[in-house]
Amino acid sequence: LNIVRAVDAATGELKWEFDPRLGEALAGKRQVGMSHNRGITFYGNKVFAATYDGRLIAIDAKTGKQAWSVRTFPEDAALYITGAPKAFK
């Protein structure tokens, strides 16, 4: 459900987890395929994630806290994000 987790590569310890609460956002709406995640992007000090319901979210890479979120298409549109976000200058 588009949950993003940061794990210490040396120890396997979970550092943080970010849950965009996709299940709540889609309650009573289209849900086919909502469990898929096409990937994340790391740029600067942010992790970028795109959710099935059309949000692009920036997450602070150190804390796992949401920095910002923007809707990429209208909430009632019959669309969904099918690829990992791209980040560059």
N, C-alpha and C. Protein backbone atom coordinates (compact mmCIF):
# COMPACT_ATOMS: atom_id res chain seq x y z
N LEU A 1 0.81 -1.20 0.00
CA LEU A 1 0.00 0.00 0.00
C LEU A 1 0.85 1.26 0.00
N ASN A 2 1.93 1.23 -0.77
CA ASN A 2 2.82 2.37 -0.95
C ASN A 2 3.55 2.80 0.32
N ILE A 3 3.74 1.88 1.26
CA ILE A 3 4.50 2.16 2.48
C ILE A 3 5.99 2.18 2.12
N VAL A 4 6.71 3.18 2.62
CA VAL A 4 8.15 3.32 2.37
C VAL A 4 8.88 3.06 3.67
N ARG A 5 9.91 2.23 3.62
CA ARG A 5 10.70 1.91 4.81
C ARG A 5 12.18 2.17 4.55
N ALA A 6 12.87 2.69 5.56
CA ALA A 6 14.31 2.86 5.50
C ALA A 6 14.92 1.83 6.45
N VAL A 7 15.89 1.08 5.93
CA VAL A 7 16.53 0.01 6.69
C VAL A 7 18.03 0.22 6.71
N ASP A 8 18.65 0.03 7.86
CA ASP A 8 20.10 0.10 7.97
C ASP A 8 20.67 -1.10 7.21
N ALA A 9 21.44 -0.85 6.17
CA ALA A 9 21.97 -1.92 5.32
C ALA A 9 22.93 -2.85 6.07
N ALA A 10 23.63 -2.36 7.06
CA ALA A 10 24.60 -3.17 7.79
C ALA A 10 23.94 -4.08 8.83
N THR A 11 22.89 -3.59 9.48
CA THR A 11 22.29 -4.35 10.58
C THR A 11 20.91 -4.92 10.26
N GLY A 12 20.26 -4.38 9.23
CA GLY A 12 18.90 -4.80 8.93
C GLY A 12 17.86 -4.14 9.81
N GLU A 13 18.29 -3.24 10.67
CA GLU A 13 17.38 -2.55 11.59
C GLU A 13 16.51 -1.54 10.84
N LEU A 14 15.23 -1.54 11.16
CA LEU A 14 14.31 -0.57 10.58
C LEU A 14 14.61 0.80 11.18
N LYS A 15 14.90 1.78 10.31
CA LYS A 15 15.20 3.14 10.77
C LYS A 15 13.92 3.97 10.88
N TRP A 16 13.04 3.87 9.87
CA TRP A 16 11.75 4.56 9.90
C TRP A 16 10.82 3.93 8.88
N GLU A 17 9.55 4.26 9.03
CA GLU A 17 8.53 3.79 8.10
C GLU A 17 7.57 4.94 7.84
N PHE A 18 7.24 5.15 6.56
CA PHE A 18 6.26 6.18 6.20
C PHE A 18 5.06 5.50 5.55
N ASP A 19 3.89 5.73 6.12
CA ASP A 19 2.65 5.16 5.61
C ASP A 19 1.76 6.27 5.07
N PRO A 20 1.53 6.33 3.75
CA PRO A 20 0.68 7.38 3.18
C PRO A 20 -0.82 7.14 3.41
N ARG A 21 -1.14 6.08 4.13
CA ARG A 21 -2.52 5.75 4.50
C ARG A 21 -3.40 5.61 3.26
N LEU A 22 -2.89 4.86 2.31
CA LEU A 22 -3.57 4.67 1.04
C LEU A 22 -4.92 3.98 1.22
N GLY A 23 -5.00 3.01 2.11
CA GLY A 23 -6.26 2.32 2.34
C GLY A 23 -7.36 3.27 2.77
N GLU A 24 -7.02 4.22 3.63
CA GLU A 24 -8.00 5.22 4.06
C GLU A 24 -8.37 6.16 2.92
N ALA A 25 -7.37 6.56 2.14
CA ALA A 25 -7.61 7.50 1.04
C ALA A 25 -8.51 6.88 -0.03
N LEU A 26 -8.45 5.57 -0.19
CA LEU A 26 -9.22 4.90 -1.23
C LEU A 26 -10.45 4.16 -0.71
N ALA A 27 -10.77 4.33 0.54
CA ALA A 27 -11.93 3.62 1.11
C ALA A 27 -13.18 3.89 0.27
N GLY A 28 -13.80 2.83 -0.21
CA GLY A 28 -15.01 2.96 -1.00
C GLY A 28 -14.78 3.33 -2.46
N LYS A 29 -13.52 3.42 -2.89
CA LYS A 29 -13.20 3.79 -4.27
C LYS A 29 -12.49 2.64 -4.96
N ARG A 30 -12.05 2.87 -6.18
CA ARG A 30 -11.34 1.83 -6.94
C ARG A 30 -10.13 1.33 -6.15
N GLN A 31 -9.95 0.02 -6.12
CA GLN A 31 -8.85 -0.51 -5.34
C GLN A 31 -8.07 -1.60 -6.07
N VAL A 32 -8.44 -1.94 -7.28
CA VAL A 32 -7.73 -2.96 -8.02
C VAL A 32 -6.30 -2.50 -8.29
N GLY A 33 -5.32 -3.27 -7.90
CA GLY A 33 -3.93 -2.94 -8.14
C GLY A 33 -3.31 -1.97 -7.16
N MET A 34 -4.04 -1.57 -6.11
CA MET A 34 -3.51 -0.53 -5.23
C MET A 34 -2.35 -1.00 -4.37
N SER A 35 -2.11 -2.30 -4.30
CA SER A 35 -1.02 -2.77 -3.45
C SER A 35 0.34 -2.72 -4.15
N HIS A 36 0.36 -2.40 -5.43
CA HIS A 36 1.63 -2.34 -6.16
C HIS A 36 2.38 -1.05 -5.87
N ASN A 37 3.68 -1.15 -5.89
CA ASN A 37 4.54 0.02 -5.72
C ASN A 37 5.57 -0.03 -6.84
N ARG A 38 5.65 1.01 -7.62
CA ARG A 38 6.56 1.02 -8.76
C ARG A 38 7.96 1.53 -8.42
N GLY A 39 8.21 1.89 -7.18
CA GLY A 39 9.53 2.32 -6.79
C GLY A 39 9.54 3.71 -6.20
N ILE A 40 10.70 4.08 -5.69
CA ILE A 40 10.91 5.40 -5.09
C ILE A 40 12.15 6.02 -5.73
N THR A 41 12.35 7.29 -5.46
CA THR A 41 13.53 8.01 -5.95
C THR A 41 14.16 8.76 -4.78
N PHE A 42 15.47 8.77 -4.75
CA PHE A 42 16.22 9.49 -3.72
C PHE A 42 16.96 10.64 -4.41
N TYR A 43 16.78 11.85 -3.89
CA TYR A 43 17.47 13.01 -4.45
C TYR A 43 17.69 14.00 -3.31
N GLY A 44 18.94 14.47 -3.17
CA GLY A 44 19.27 15.40 -2.09
C GLY A 44 19.00 14.72 -0.75
N ASN A 45 18.20 15.36 0.08
CA ASN A 45 17.88 14.78 1.39
C ASN A 45 16.43 14.29 1.45
N LYS A 46 15.86 13.98 0.27
CA LYS A 46 14.46 13.56 0.20
C LYS A 46 14.32 12.22 -0.51
N VAL A 47 13.32 11.48 -0.10
CA VAL A 47 12.86 10.29 -0.80
C VAL A 47 11.52 10.66 -1.42
N PHE A 48 11.35 10.39 -2.70
CA PHE A 48 10.12 10.73 -3.39
C PHE A 48 9.35 9.45 -3.69
N ALA A 49 8.07 9.46 -3.35
CA ALA A 49 7.21 8.31 -3.58
C ALA A 49 5.93 8.77 -4.26
N ALA A 50 5.45 7.97 -5.19
CA ALA A 50 4.19 8.25 -5.86
C ALA A 50 3.19 7.20 -5.40
N THR A 51 2.01 7.65 -5.02
CA THR A 51 1.00 6.72 -4.52
C THR A 51 0.00 6.37 -5.61
N TYR A 52 -0.66 5.25 -5.43
CA TYR A 52 -1.64 4.77 -6.39
C TYR A 52 -2.76 5.77 -6.63
N ASP A 53 -3.10 6.54 -5.60
CA ASP A 53 -4.20 7.50 -5.73
C ASP A 53 -3.76 8.85 -6.29
N GLY A 54 -2.52 8.95 -6.77
CA GLY A 54 -2.09 10.14 -7.49
C GLY A 54 -1.35 11.19 -6.71
N ARG A 55 -0.86 10.86 -5.52
CA ARG A 55 -0.08 11.83 -4.76
C ARG A 55 1.41 11.62 -5.01
N LEU A 56 2.14 12.71 -5.13
CA LEU A 56 3.60 12.68 -5.15
C LEU A 56 4.03 13.23 -3.81
N ILE A 57 4.79 12.43 -3.06
CA ILE A 57 5.13 12.78 -1.69
C ILE A 57 6.64 12.83 -1.53
N ALA A 58 7.12 13.90 -0.88
CA ALA A 58 8.53 14.02 -0.52
C ALA A 58 8.67 13.68 0.96
N ILE A 59 9.60 12.79 1.26
CA ILE A 59 9.82 12.32 2.63
C ILE A 59 11.25 12.68 3.03
N ASP A 60 11.42 13.24 4.21
CA ASP A 60 12.76 13.54 4.71
C ASP A 60 13.51 12.22 4.88
N ALA A 61 14.66 12.09 4.21
CA ALA A 61 15.40 10.83 4.20
C ALA A 61 15.95 10.42 5.56
N LYS A 62 16.19 11.37 6.44
CA LYS A 62 16.74 11.04 7.77
C LYS A 62 15.66 10.68 8.78
N THR A 63 14.52 11.37 8.70
CA THR A 63 13.51 11.21 9.74
C THR A 63 12.31 10.37 9.32
N GLY A 64 12.05 10.29 8.01
CA GLY A 64 10.87 9.60 7.53
C GLY A 64 9.60 10.42 7.62
N LYS A 65 9.73 11.68 7.95
CA LYS A 65 8.57 12.58 8.05
C LYS A 65 8.25 13.17 6.67
N GLN A 66 6.97 13.35 6.41
CA GLN A 66 6.54 13.95 5.15
C GLN A 66 6.98 15.41 5.09
N ALA A 67 7.66 15.78 4.00
CA ALA A 67 8.08 17.16 3.79
C ALA A 67 6.98 17.92 3.03
N TRP A 68 6.42 17.28 2.01
CA TRP A 68 5.30 17.86 1.28
C TRP A 68 4.60 16.77 0.46
N SER A 69 3.41 17.11 0.01
CA SER A 69 2.62 16.20 -0.82
C SER A 69 1.81 17.04 -1.81
N VAL A 70 1.71 16.55 -3.04
CA VAL A 70 0.93 17.24 -4.06
C VAL A 70 0.14 16.19 -4.85
N ARG A 71 -1.07 16.54 -5.22
CA ARG A 71 -1.90 15.65 -6.03
C ARG A 71 -1.52 15.88 -7.50
N THR A 72 -1.30 14.79 -8.25
CA THR A 72 -0.84 14.91 -9.64
C THR A 72 -1.98 14.83 -10.66
N PHE A 73 -3.16 14.43 -10.21
CA PHE A 73 -4.35 14.45 -11.07
C PHE A 73 -5.57 14.55 -10.17
N PRO A 74 -6.72 14.96 -10.71
CA PRO A 74 -7.92 15.13 -9.89
C PRO A 74 -8.30 13.82 -9.17
N GLU A 75 -8.79 13.96 -7.97
CA GLU A 75 -9.12 12.80 -7.15
C GLU A 75 -10.14 11.88 -7.80
N ASP A 76 -11.05 12.41 -8.59
CA ASP A 76 -12.09 11.59 -9.20
C ASP A 76 -11.72 11.09 -10.60
N ALA A 77 -10.50 11.35 -11.06
CA ALA A 77 -10.07 10.91 -12.39
C ALA A 77 -9.81 9.40 -12.38
N ALA A 78 -10.08 8.76 -13.50
CA ALA A 78 -9.85 7.32 -13.63
C ALA A 78 -8.40 7.09 -14.05
N LEU A 79 -7.47 7.53 -13.20
CA LEU A 79 -6.04 7.43 -13.47
C LEU A 79 -5.32 6.85 -12.27
N TYR A 80 -4.11 6.39 -12.49
CA TYR A 80 -3.23 6.01 -11.38
C TYR A 80 -1.79 6.09 -11.86
N ILE A 81 -0.87 6.20 -10.93
CA ILE A 81 0.55 6.34 -11.27
C ILE A 81 1.14 4.95 -11.51
N THR A 82 1.85 4.80 -12.64
CA THR A 82 2.36 3.48 -13.01
C THR A 82 3.88 3.37 -12.99
N GLY A 83 4.58 4.43 -12.62
CA GLY A 83 6.03 4.37 -12.63
C GLY A 83 6.64 5.05 -11.42
N ALA A 84 7.91 4.81 -11.22
CA ALA A 84 8.63 5.47 -10.13
C ALA A 84 8.81 6.95 -10.47
N PRO A 85 8.79 7.83 -9.47
CA PRO A 85 9.04 9.25 -9.75
C PRO A 85 10.47 9.48 -10.20
N LYS A 86 10.69 10.55 -10.90
CA LYS A 86 12.03 10.94 -11.35
C LYS A 86 12.35 12.28 -10.71
N ALA A 87 13.57 12.44 -10.23
CA ALA A 87 13.97 13.69 -9.58
C ALA A 87 15.31 14.13 -10.16
N PHE A 88 15.40 15.42 -10.48
CA PHE A 88 16.63 15.98 -11.04
C PHE A 88 16.56 17.48 -10.94
N LYS A 89 17.64 18.15 -11.27
CA LYS A 89 17.68 19.62 -11.15
C LYS A 89 16.58 20.25 -11.94
